[in-house]
Amino acid sequence: MAVTIFCSYCIIPYVRGRSRSREISSIVSEAENLSKTCNEIVLTGINMSDFKPSLIDVLESLSGVKARIRISSLEVNVITEDFLNRLSKLNNFCPHFHLSLQSGSDSVLKKMNRHYTSTEYLNKVSLIKKYFPYASITTDVIVGFPTESEENFAESLETIKKAEFFMVHCFPYSIRVGTPASKMPQVLNSVKKQRVKIVESLSKILGENYINKLKQNNVTQNVILEEIIELYSKKYFVGHSQYFVKCYIPYSESYHENDIISVKINEFFEEGVICKWKL
């Protein structure tokens, strides 16, 4: 009997085939060209962690690019001492890790065909914080996966709390015909919706905790000014910091869109924070 290495709920590998890696020289060339007009470049792919020869080789090759580098979604296996040690030496890396969890229940992770346990995942989170104490860690979580019980869901919530995420992107499981999970006993849609709301409420609390940590430790936010907006009869620059915090900054004619400025968090504002100019 054939054994699949793919996640039991995902149709992408069957549609797109196995991962293929670009030449590093091609990536560097594209990044250097992009850096002429933008100050941040996001590395993305179907499975960044599967890049050959290795993702850290790409990141080190981009260390001379005059733009900051952000990574999109990562798998647990890429987080090692060597990876983080080398990453911590790169001045243009944004300390924001989107580390896929999907479930915090070991039983569900096994049925998802995810190759780690909740404890192993939390150990990786701790390792990230060892090298990047203020790193923002975001994740994806699927609720209502086939057979997920109330106990399994409670285990997921506990893992989410322990990880102290900045943000949790929560999705109700949806059937992808042709995948192993589509043939498993399904959870009611009403239950899925309820669980999404619970995770979203928890994510909001954890996000506020993370922002308070940055504020209490007076951590500087280096923000790219992405746009100018008007709210409540006042003008603001809006952009994201290296930690992926959405920042609103009082408008000043001294700066322009696409500039990078250093500010401090003042207070929560809209779906982000309002900042004050760094003194």
C-alpha atoms as a PDB file:
ATOM      1  CA  MET A   1       0.000   0.000   0.000  1.00  0.00           C
ATOM      2  CA  ALA A   2       1.383   3.418  -0.952  1.00  0.00           C
ATOM      3  CA  VAL A   3       1.953   5.898   1.869  1.00  0.00           C
ATOM      4  CA  THR A   4       1.558   9.600   1.089  1.00  0.00           C
ATOM      5  CA  ILE A   5       3.931  12.178   2.539  1.00  0.00           C
ATOM      6  CA  PHE A   6       1.464  14.988   1.849  1.00  0.00           C
ATOM      7  CA  CYS A   7      -0.901  16.551   4.371  1.00  0.00           C
ATOM      8  CA  SER A   8      -4.130  14.563   4.342  1.00  0.00           C
ATOM      9  CA  TYR A   9      -6.298  17.655   3.741  1.00  0.00           C
ATOM     10  CA  CYS A  10      -4.307  19.384   0.990  1.00  0.00           C
ATOM     11  CA  ILE A  11      -4.968  19.059  -2.738  1.00  0.00           C
ATOM     12  CA  ILE A  12      -2.115  21.355  -3.865  1.00  0.00           C
ATOM     13  CA  PRO A  13       0.622  18.685  -4.279  1.00  0.00           C
ATOM     14  CA  TYR A  14      -1.703  16.630  -6.466  1.00  0.00           C
ATOM     15  CA  VAL A  15      -2.449  19.653  -8.668  1.00  0.00           C
ATOM     16  CA  ARG A  16       0.972  21.339  -8.817  1.00  0.00           C
ATOM     17  CA  GLY A  17       3.252  18.357  -8.319  1.00  0.00           C
ATOM     18  CA  ARG A  18       6.328  18.205  -6.101  1.00  0.00           C
ATOM     19  CA  SER A  19       8.342  21.237  -5.051  1.00  0.00           C
ATOM     20  CA  ARG A  20      10.770  22.752  -7.523  1.00  0.00           C
ATOM     21  CA  SER A  21      13.533  25.199  -6.543  1.00  0.00           C
ATOM     22  CA  ARG A  22      14.735  28.210  -8.520  1.00  0.00           C
ATOM     23  CA  GLU A  23      18.402  28.979  -8.983  1.00  0.00           C
ATOM     24  CA  ILE A  24      19.644  31.236  -6.187  1.00  0.00           C
ATOM     25  CA  SER A  25      21.327  33.533  -8.711  1.00  0.00           C
ATOM     26  CA  SER A  26      17.935  34.103 -10.358  1.00  0.00           C
ATOM     27  CA  ILE A  27      16.330  34.961  -7.019  1.00  0.00           C
ATOM     28  CA  VAL A  28      19.109  37.400  -6.112  1.00  0.00           C
ATOM     29  CA  SER A  29      18.910  39.078  -9.518  1.00  0.00           C
ATOM     30  CA  GLU A  30      15.151  39.578  -9.189  1.00  0.00           C
ATOM     31  CA  ALA A  31      15.503  40.878  -5.623  1.00  0.00           C
ATOM     32  CA  GLU A  32      18.191  43.378  -6.608  1.00  0.00           C
ATOM     33  CA  ASN A  33      15.960  44.670  -9.373  1.00  0.00           C
ATOM     34  CA  LEU A  34      12.952  44.968  -7.033  1.00  0.00           C
ATOM     35  CA  SER A  35      15.024  46.781  -4.410  1.00  0.00           C
ATOM     36  CA  LYS A  36      15.401  49.718  -6.792  1.00  0.00           C
ATOM     37  CA  THR A  37      11.754  50.659  -6.232  1.00  0.00           C
ATOM     38  CA  CYS A  38      10.701  48.990  -2.961  1.00  0.00           C
ATOM     39  CA  ASN A  39      12.100  48.654   0.551  1.00  0.00           C
ATOM     40  CA  GLU A  40      10.744  45.223   1.457  1.00  0.00           C
ATOM     41  CA  ILE A  41      10.781  41.906  -0.383  1.00  0.00           C
ATOM     42  CA  VAL A  42       8.772  38.878   0.736  1.00  0.00           C
ATOM     43  CA  LEU A  43      10.079  35.415  -0.114  1.00  0.00           C
ATOM     44  CA  THR A  44       7.203  33.104  -0.887  1.00  0.00           C
ATOM     45  CA  GLY A  45       6.511  29.655  -2.289  1.00  0.00           C
ATOM     46  CA  ILE A  46       4.315  26.585  -1.877  1.00  0.00           C
ATOM     47  CA  ASN A  47       6.775  25.109   0.648  1.00  0.00           C
ATOM     48  CA  MET A  48       9.621  27.488   1.510  1.00  0.00           C
ATOM     49  CA  SER A  49      11.133  24.974   3.904  1.00  0.00           C
ATOM     50  CA  ASP A  50      11.687  22.509   1.057  1.00  0.00           C
ATOM     51  CA  PHE A  51      13.987  24.825  -0.914  1.00  0.00           C
ATOM     52  CA  LYS A  52      17.143  23.173  -2.235  1.00  0.00           C
ATOM     53  CA  PRO A  53      19.969  23.438  -1.293  1.00  0.00           C
ATOM     54  CA  SER A  54      18.496  25.269   1.739  1.00  0.00           C
ATOM     55  CA  LEU A  55      16.436  28.324   2.618  1.00  0.00           C
ATOM     56  CA  ILE A  56      19.209  29.826   4.733  1.00  0.00           C
ATOM     57  CA  ASP A  57      21.498  29.764   1.679  1.00  0.00           C
ATOM     58  CA  VAL A  58      18.985  31.960  -0.152  1.00  0.00           C
ATOM     59  CA  LEU A  59      18.655  34.362   2.768  1.00  0.00           C
ATOM     60  CA  GLU A  60      22.419  34.718   3.146  1.00  0.00           C
ATOM     61  CA  SER A  61      22.709  35.347  -0.600  1.00  0.00           C
ATOM     62  CA  LEU A  62      20.193  38.196  -0.208  1.00  0.00           C
ATOM     63  CA  SER A  63      22.079  39.836   2.673  1.00  0.00           C
ATOM     64  CA  GLY A  64      23.571  42.432   0.341  1.00  0.00           C
ATOM     65  CA  VAL A  65      20.257  43.475  -1.182  1.00  0.00           C
ATOM     66  CA  LYS A  66      19.256  47.009  -0.178  1.00  0.00           C
ATOM     67  CA  ALA A  67      15.764  46.055   0.995  1.00  0.00           C
ATOM     68  CA  ARG A  68      14.586  44.257   4.060  1.00  0.00           C
ATOM     69  CA  ILE A  69      13.654  40.606   3.600  1.00  0.00           C
ATOM     70  CA  ARG A  70      10.565  38.938   5.044  1.00  0.00           C
ATOM     71  CA  ILE A  71       9.776  35.213   4.843  1.00  0.00           C
ATOM     72  CA  SER A  72       6.320  33.840   4.177  1.00  0.00           C
ATOM     73  CA  SER A  73       4.967  30.604   5.694  1.00  0.00           C
ATOM     74  CA  LEU A  74       7.488  28.128   7.111  1.00  0.00           C
ATOM     75  CA  GLU A  75       7.279  24.505   8.199  1.00  0.00           C
ATOM     76  CA  VAL A  76       8.557  23.359  11.583  1.00  0.00           C
ATOM     77  CA  ASN A  77      11.429  21.287  10.200  1.00  0.00           C
ATOM     78  CA  VAL A  78      13.353  24.337   8.949  1.00  0.00           C
ATOM     79  CA  ILE A  79      13.712  25.812  12.458  1.00  0.00           C
ATOM     80  CA  THR A  80      17.073  24.614  13.804  1.00  0.00           C
ATOM     81  CA  GLU A  81      19.925  26.081  15.845  1.00  0.00           C
ATOM     82  CA  ASP A  82      22.050  26.427  12.712  1.00  0.00           C
ATOM     83  CA  PHE A  83      19.271  28.111  10.717  1.00  0.00           C
ATOM     84  CA  LEU A  84      18.461  30.644  13.437  1.00  0.00           C
ATOM     85  CA  ASN A  85      22.094  31.319  14.333  1.00  0.00           C
ATOM     86  CA  ARG A  86      22.930  32.171  10.731  1.00  0.00           C
ATOM     87  CA  LEU A  87      19.687  34.098  10.302  1.00  0.00           C
ATOM     88  CA  SER A  88      20.403  36.249  13.360  1.00  0.00           C
ATOM     89  CA  LYS A  89      23.542  37.578  11.634  1.00  0.00           C
ATOM     90  CA  LEU A  90      21.593  39.056   8.694  1.00  0.00           C
ATOM     91  CA  ASN A  91      20.915  42.780   9.086  1.00  0.00           C
ATOM     92  CA  ASN A  92      18.121  42.973   6.519  1.00  0.00           C
ATOM     93  CA  PHE A  93      15.977  40.117   7.880  1.00  0.00           C
ATOM     94  CA  CYS A  94      12.569  40.942   9.393  1.00  0.00           C
ATOM     95  CA  PRO A  95      12.115  38.986  12.669  1.00  0.00           C
ATOM     96  CA  HIS A  96       8.636  37.760  11.779  1.00  0.00           C
ATOM     97  CA  PHE A  97       8.021  34.013  11.542  1.00  0.00           C
ATOM     98  CA  HIS A  98       4.822  32.584  10.103  1.00  0.00           C
ATOM     99  CA  LEU A  99       5.191  29.039  11.424  1.00  0.00           C
ATOM    100  CA  SER A 100       2.419  26.664  10.358  1.00  0.00           C
ATOM    101  CA  LEU A 101       0.713  24.856  13.260  1.00  0.00           C
ATOM    102  CA  GLN A 102      -2.640  23.710  11.767  1.00  0.00           C
ATOM    103  CA  SER A 103      -3.608  21.948  15.013  1.00  0.00           C
ATOM    104  CA  GLY A 104      -2.360  21.895  18.579  1.00  0.00           C
ATOM    105  CA  SER A 105      -3.690  18.396  19.191  1.00  0.00           C
ATOM    106  CA  ASP A 106      -1.264  15.523  18.639  1.00  0.00           C
ATOM    107  CA  SER A 107      -4.108  13.207  17.659  1.00  0.00           C
ATOM    108  CA  VAL A 108      -5.351  15.604  14.973  1.00  0.00           C
ATOM    109  CA  LEU A 109      -1.819  16.376  13.759  1.00  0.00           C
ATOM    110  CA  LYS A 110      -1.289  12.669  13.164  1.00  0.00           C
ATOM    111  CA  LYS A 111      -4.516  12.415  11.140  1.00  0.00           C
ATOM    112  CA  MET A 112      -3.478  15.521   9.206  1.00  0.00           C
ATOM    113  CA  ASN A 113      -0.203  13.731   8.401  1.00  0.00           C
ATOM    114  CA  ARG A 114       1.776  16.609   9.911  1.00  0.00           C
ATOM    115  CA  HIS A 115       5.173  15.291  10.966  1.00  0.00           C
ATOM    116  CA  TYR A 116       5.585  16.874  14.415  1.00  0.00           C
ATOM    117  CA  THR A 117       3.894  16.955  17.802  1.00  0.00           C
ATOM    118  CA  SER A 118       2.596  19.965  19.708  1.00  0.00           C
ATOM    119  CA  THR A 119       5.560  19.686  22.081  1.00  0.00           C
ATOM    120  CA  GLU A 120       8.036  19.672  19.198  1.00  0.00           C
ATOM    121  CA  TYR A 121       6.299  22.720  17.741  1.00  0.00           C
ATOM    122  CA  LEU A 122       6.483  24.633  21.032  1.00  0.00           C
ATOM    123  CA  ASN A 123      10.173  23.740  21.330  1.00  0.00           C
ATOM    124  CA  LYS A 124      10.738  25.382  17.922  1.00  0.00           C
ATOM    125  CA  VAL A 125       8.892  28.505  19.113  1.00  0.00           C
ATOM    126  CA  SER A 126      11.172  28.650  22.165  1.00  0.00           C
ATOM    127  CA  LEU A 127      14.204  28.294  19.900  1.00  0.00           C
ATOM    128  CA  ILE A 128      13.071  31.247  17.771  1.00  0.00           C
ATOM    129  CA  LYS A 129      12.691  33.396  20.890  1.00  0.00           C
ATOM    130  CA  LYS A 130      16.179  32.408  22.024  1.00  0.00           C
ATOM    131  CA  TYR A 131      17.678  34.111  18.951  1.00  0.00           C
ATOM    132  CA  PHE A 132      14.960  36.734  18.378  1.00  0.00           C
ATOM    133  CA  PRO A 133      13.485  37.714  21.769  1.00  0.00           C
ATOM    134  CA  TYR A 134      10.911  40.107  20.277  1.00  0.00           C
ATOM    135  CA  ALA A 135      10.107  38.139  17.137  1.00  0.00           C
ATOM    136  CA  SER A 136       6.475  38.121  16.086  1.00  0.00           C
ATOM    137  CA  ILE A 137       5.225  34.597  15.492  1.00  0.00           C
ATOM    138  CA  THR A 138       2.068  34.101  13.459  1.00  0.00           C
ATOM    139  CA  THR A 139       0.427  30.874  12.384  1.00  0.00           C
ATOM    140  CA  ASP A 140      -2.404  29.051  10.617  1.00  0.00           C
ATOM    141  CA  VAL A 141      -4.884  26.846  12.469  1.00  0.00           C
ATOM    142  CA  ILE A 142      -7.587  24.641  10.976  1.00  0.00           C
ATOM    143  CA  VAL A 143     -10.560  23.910  13.234  1.00  0.00           C
ATOM    144  CA  GLY A 144     -13.224  21.287  12.688  1.00  0.00           C
ATOM    145  CA  PHE A 145     -10.822  18.889  11.007  1.00  0.00           C
ATOM    146  CA  PRO A 146     -12.560  15.507  10.494  1.00  0.00           C
ATOM    147  CA  THR A 147     -12.990  13.684  13.854  1.00  0.00           C
ATOM    148  CA  GLU A 148     -11.748  16.715  15.883  1.00  0.00           C
ATOM    149  CA  SER A 149     -13.420  16.286  19.273  1.00  0.00           C
ATOM    150  CA  GLU A 150     -14.054  18.893  21.973  1.00  0.00           C
ATOM    151  CA  GLU A 151     -11.046  17.466  23.809  1.00  0.00           C
ATOM    152  CA  ASN A 152      -8.882  17.795  20.695  1.00  0.00           C
ATOM    153  CA  PHE A 153     -10.033  21.397  20.249  1.00  0.00           C
ATOM    154  CA  ALA A 154      -9.232  22.179  23.889  1.00  0.00           C
ATOM    155  CA  GLU A 155      -5.727  20.765  23.322  1.00  0.00           C
ATOM    156  CA  SER A 156      -5.323  23.102  20.343  1.00  0.00           C
ATOM    157  CA  LEU A 157      -6.357  26.103  22.419  1.00  0.00           C
ATOM    158  CA  GLU A 158      -3.819  25.186  25.084  1.00  0.00           C
ATOM    159  CA  THR A 159      -1.018  24.911  22.522  1.00  0.00           C
ATOM    160  CA  ILE A 160      -1.994  28.274  21.009  1.00  0.00           C
ATOM    161  CA  LYS A 161      -1.845  29.906  24.445  1.00  0.00           C
ATOM    162  CA  LYS A 162       1.573  28.418  25.196  1.00  0.00           C
ATOM    163  CA  ALA A 163       2.992  29.586  21.851  1.00  0.00           C
ATOM    164  CA  GLU A 164       1.980  33.193  22.625  1.00  0.00           C
ATOM    165  CA  PHE A 165       1.350  34.025  18.990  1.00  0.00           C
ATOM    166  CA  PHE A 166       1.067  37.558  17.691  1.00  0.00           C
ATOM    167  CA  MET A 167      -1.667  36.513  15.274  1.00  0.00           C
ATOM    168  CA  VAL A 168      -3.571  33.317  14.460  1.00  0.00           C
ATOM    169  CA  HIS A 169      -5.141  32.888  11.040  1.00  0.00           C
ATOM    170  CA  CYS A 170      -7.985  30.477  11.763  1.00  0.00           C
ATOM    171  CA  PHE A 171      -9.892  28.555   9.089  1.00  0.00           C
ATOM    172  CA  PRO A 172     -12.735  26.063   9.280  1.00  0.00           C
ATOM    173  CA  TYR A 173     -11.818  22.789   7.594  1.00  0.00           C
ATOM    174  CA  SER A 174     -13.252  22.499   4.094  1.00  0.00           C
ATOM    175  CA  ILE A 175     -13.389  19.334   2.041  1.00  0.00           C
ATOM    176  CA  ARG A 176     -11.016  18.915  -0.876  1.00  0.00           C
ATOM    177  CA  VAL A 177     -12.320  16.017  -2.940  1.00  0.00           C
ATOM    178  CA  GLY A 178      -9.645  13.413  -3.609  1.00  0.00           C
ATOM    179  CA  THR A 179      -7.738  13.935  -0.359  1.00  0.00           C
ATOM    180  CA  PRO A 180      -7.655  11.331   2.445  1.00  0.00           C
ATOM    181  CA  ALA A 181      -9.338  13.769   4.867  1.00  0.00           C
ATOM    182  CA  SER A 182     -12.379  14.086   2.587  1.00  0.00           C
ATOM    183  CA  LYS A 183     -13.219  10.448   3.338  1.00  0.00           C
ATOM    184  CA  MET A 184     -13.045  10.837   7.143  1.00  0.00           C
ATOM    185  CA  PRO A 185     -16.068  11.482   9.419  1.00  0.00           C
ATOM    186  CA  GLN A 186     -16.869  15.196   9.167  1.00  0.00           C
ATOM    187  CA  VAL A 187     -17.517  17.800  11.879  1.00  0.00           C
ATOM    188  CA  LEU A 188     -20.728  19.856  11.720  1.00  0.00           C
ATOM    189  CA  ASN A 189     -20.399  23.295  10.089  1.00  0.00           C
ATOM    190  CA  SER A 190     -22.071  24.914  13.104  1.00  0.00           C
ATOM    191  CA  VAL A 191     -19.341  23.482  15.345  1.00  0.00           C
ATOM    192  CA  LYS A 192     -16.627  24.740  12.984  1.00  0.00           C
ATOM    193  CA  LYS A 193     -18.046  28.282  13.033  1.00  0.00           C
ATOM    194  CA  GLN A 194     -18.176  28.296  16.831  1.00  0.00           C
ATOM    195  CA  ARG A 195     -14.577  27.118  17.101  1.00  0.00           C
ATOM    196  CA  VAL A 196     -13.374  29.762  14.624  1.00  0.00           C
ATOM    197  CA  LYS A 197     -14.916  32.474  16.813  1.00  0.00           C
ATOM    198  CA  ILE A 198     -13.231  31.072  19.928  1.00  0.00           C
ATOM    199  CA  VAL A 199      -9.800  30.994  18.271  1.00  0.00           C
ATOM    200  CA  GLU A 200     -10.245  34.490  16.845  1.00  0.00           C
ATOM    201  CA  SER A 201     -11.100  35.831  20.316  1.00  0.00           C
ATOM    202  CA  LEU A 202      -8.026  34.140  21.776  1.00  0.00           C
ATOM    203  CA  SER A 203      -5.867  35.489  18.935  1.00  0.00           C
ATOM    204  CA  LYS A 204      -6.975  39.036  19.736  1.00  0.00           C
ATOM    205  CA  ILE A 205      -5.940  38.637  23.387  1.00  0.00           C
ATOM    206  CA  LEU A 206      -2.564  37.148  22.450  1.00  0.00           C
ATOM    207  CA  GLY A 207      -1.970  39.912  19.914  1.00  0.00           C
ATOM    208  CA  GLU A 208      -2.592  42.564  22.542  1.00  0.00           C
ATOM    209  CA  ASN A 209      -0.218  40.766  24.904  1.00  0.00           C
ATOM    210  CA  TYR A 210       2.499  40.796  22.256  1.00  0.00           C
ATOM    211  CA  ILE A 211       2.026  44.497  21.490  1.00  0.00           C
ATOM    212  CA  ASN A 212       2.166  45.299  25.205  1.00  0.00           C
ATOM    213  CA  LYS A 213       5.439  43.379  25.435  1.00  0.00           C
ATOM    214  CA  LEU A 214       6.939  45.529  22.663  1.00  0.00           C
ATOM    215  CA  LYS A 215       5.632  48.707  24.276  1.00  0.00           C
ATOM    216  CA  GLN A 216       6.800  47.852  27.791  1.00  0.00           C
ATOM    217  CA  ASN A 217      10.287  47.073  26.507  1.00  0.00           C
ATOM    218  CA  ASN A 218      10.357  50.239  24.382  1.00  0.00           C
ATOM    219  CA  VAL A 219      11.134  48.228  21.236  1.00  0.00           C
ATOM    220  CA  THR A 220      11.702  50.444  18.196  1.00  0.00           C
ATOM    221  CA  GLN A 221       9.441  49.861  15.201  1.00  0.00           C
ATOM    222  CA  ASN A 222      11.081  50.427  11.833  1.00  0.00           C
ATOM    223  CA  VAL A 223       8.102  51.160   9.600  1.00  0.00           C
ATOM    224  CA  ILE A 224       7.788  51.364   5.824  1.00  0.00           C
ATOM    225  CA  LEU A 225       5.357  54.173   5.021  1.00  0.00           C
ATOM    226  CA  GLU A 226       2.980  52.360   2.689  1.00  0.00           C
ATOM    227  CA  GLU A 227       0.185  54.902   2.315  1.00  0.00           C
ATOM    228  CA  ILE A 228      -1.322  58.123   3.627  1.00  0.00           C
ATOM    229  CA  ILE A 229      -4.877  58.015   4.971  1.00  0.00           C
ATOM    230  CA  GLU A 230      -7.271  60.311   6.820  1.00  0.00           C
ATOM    231  CA  LEU A 231      -9.085  59.102   9.950  1.00  0.00           C
ATOM    232  CA  TYR A 232     -11.168  61.159  12.353  1.00  0.00           C
ATOM    233  CA  SER A 233     -10.118  64.344  10.492  1.00  0.00           C
ATOM    234  CA  LYS A 234      -6.410  63.583  10.944  1.00  0.00           C
ATOM    235  CA  LYS A 235      -3.813  62.402   8.430  1.00  0.00           C
ATOM    236  CA  TYR A 236      -1.630  59.371   9.118  1.00  0.00           C
ATOM    237  CA  PHE A 237       1.099  57.400   7.462  1.00  0.00           C
ATOM    238  CA  VAL A 238       0.235  53.697   7.609  1.00  0.00           C
ATOM    239  CA  GLY A 239       2.720  50.859   7.287  1.00  0.00           C
ATOM    240  CA  HIS A 240       4.093  47.692   8.815  1.00  0.00           C
ATOM    241  CA  SER A 241       7.131  47.392  11.044  1.00  0.00           C
ATOM    242  CA  GLN A 242       9.807  44.726  10.829  1.00  0.00           C
ATOM    243  CA  TYR A 243       7.679  42.750  13.322  1.00  0.00           C
ATOM    244  CA  PHE A 244       4.631  42.998  11.017  1.00  0.00           C
ATOM    245  CA  VAL A 245       2.854  45.362  13.396  1.00  0.00           C
ATOM    246  CA  LYS A 246       0.473  47.694  11.568  1.00  0.00           C
ATOM    247  CA  CYS A 247       1.451  51.214  12.573  1.00  0.00           C
ATOM    248  CA  TYR A 248      -0.376  54.530  12.247  1.00  0.00           C
ATOM    249  CA  ILE A 249       1.956  57.523  12.424  1.00  0.00           C
ATOM    250  CA  PRO A 250       0.911  61.211  12.526  1.00  0.00           C
ATOM    251  CA  TYR A 251       1.545  62.721   9.112  1.00  0.00           C
ATOM    252  CA  SER A 252       4.617  64.887   8.573  1.00  0.00           C
ATOM    253  CA  GLU A 253       5.655  66.651   5.373  1.00  0.00           C
ATOM    254  CA  SER A 254       9.240  65.669   6.145  1.00  0.00           C
ATOM    255  CA  TYR A 255       8.573  62.073   5.033  1.00  0.00           C
ATOM    256  CA  HIS A 256       7.101  60.352   2.008  1.00  0.00           C
ATOM    257  CA  GLU A 257       5.586  57.025   1.027  1.00  0.00           C
ATOM    258  CA  ASN A 258       8.138  54.172   0.859  1.00  0.00           C
ATOM    259  CA  ASP A 259      10.427  55.846   3.423  1.00  0.00           C
ATOM    260  CA  ILE A 260      11.484  53.748   6.419  1.00  0.00           C
ATOM    261  CA  ILE A 261      11.215  55.545   9.754  1.00  0.00           C
ATOM    262  CA  SER A 262      11.836  54.570  13.375  1.00  0.00           C
ATOM    263  CA  VAL A 263       9.009  55.087  15.856  1.00  0.00           C
ATOM    264  CA  LYS A 264       7.767  53.884  19.242  1.00  0.00           C
ATOM    265  CA  ILE A 265       4.399  52.322  20.042  1.00  0.00           C
ATOM    266  CA  ASN A 266       2.058  54.671  21.852  1.00  0.00           C
ATOM    267  CA  GLU A 267      -1.304  52.886  22.109  1.00  0.00           C
ATOM    268  CA  PHE A 268      -3.704  50.520  20.346  1.00  0.00           C
ATOM    269  CA  PHE A 269      -5.439  52.145  17.388  1.00  0.00           C
ATOM    270  CA  GLU A 270      -7.906  50.717  14.872  1.00  0.00           C
ATOM    271  CA  GLU A 271      -6.556  47.251  13.892  1.00  0.00           C
ATOM    272  CA  GLY A 272      -2.988  48.182  14.835  1.00  0.00           C
ATOM    273  CA  VAL A 273      -1.161  50.755  16.948  1.00  0.00           C
ATOM    274  CA  ILE A 274      -0.639  54.493  16.817  1.00  0.00           C
ATOM    275  CA  CYS A 275       3.006  55.442  17.118  1.00  0.00           C
ATOM    276  CA  LYS A 276       4.995  58.460  18.184  1.00  0.00           C
ATOM    277  CA  TRP A 277       8.130  59.723  16.536  1.00  0.00           C
ATOM    278  CA  LYS A 278      11.244  58.205  18.104  1.00  0.00           C
ATOM    279  CA  LEU A 279      13.001  60.634  20.455  1.00  0.00           C
END
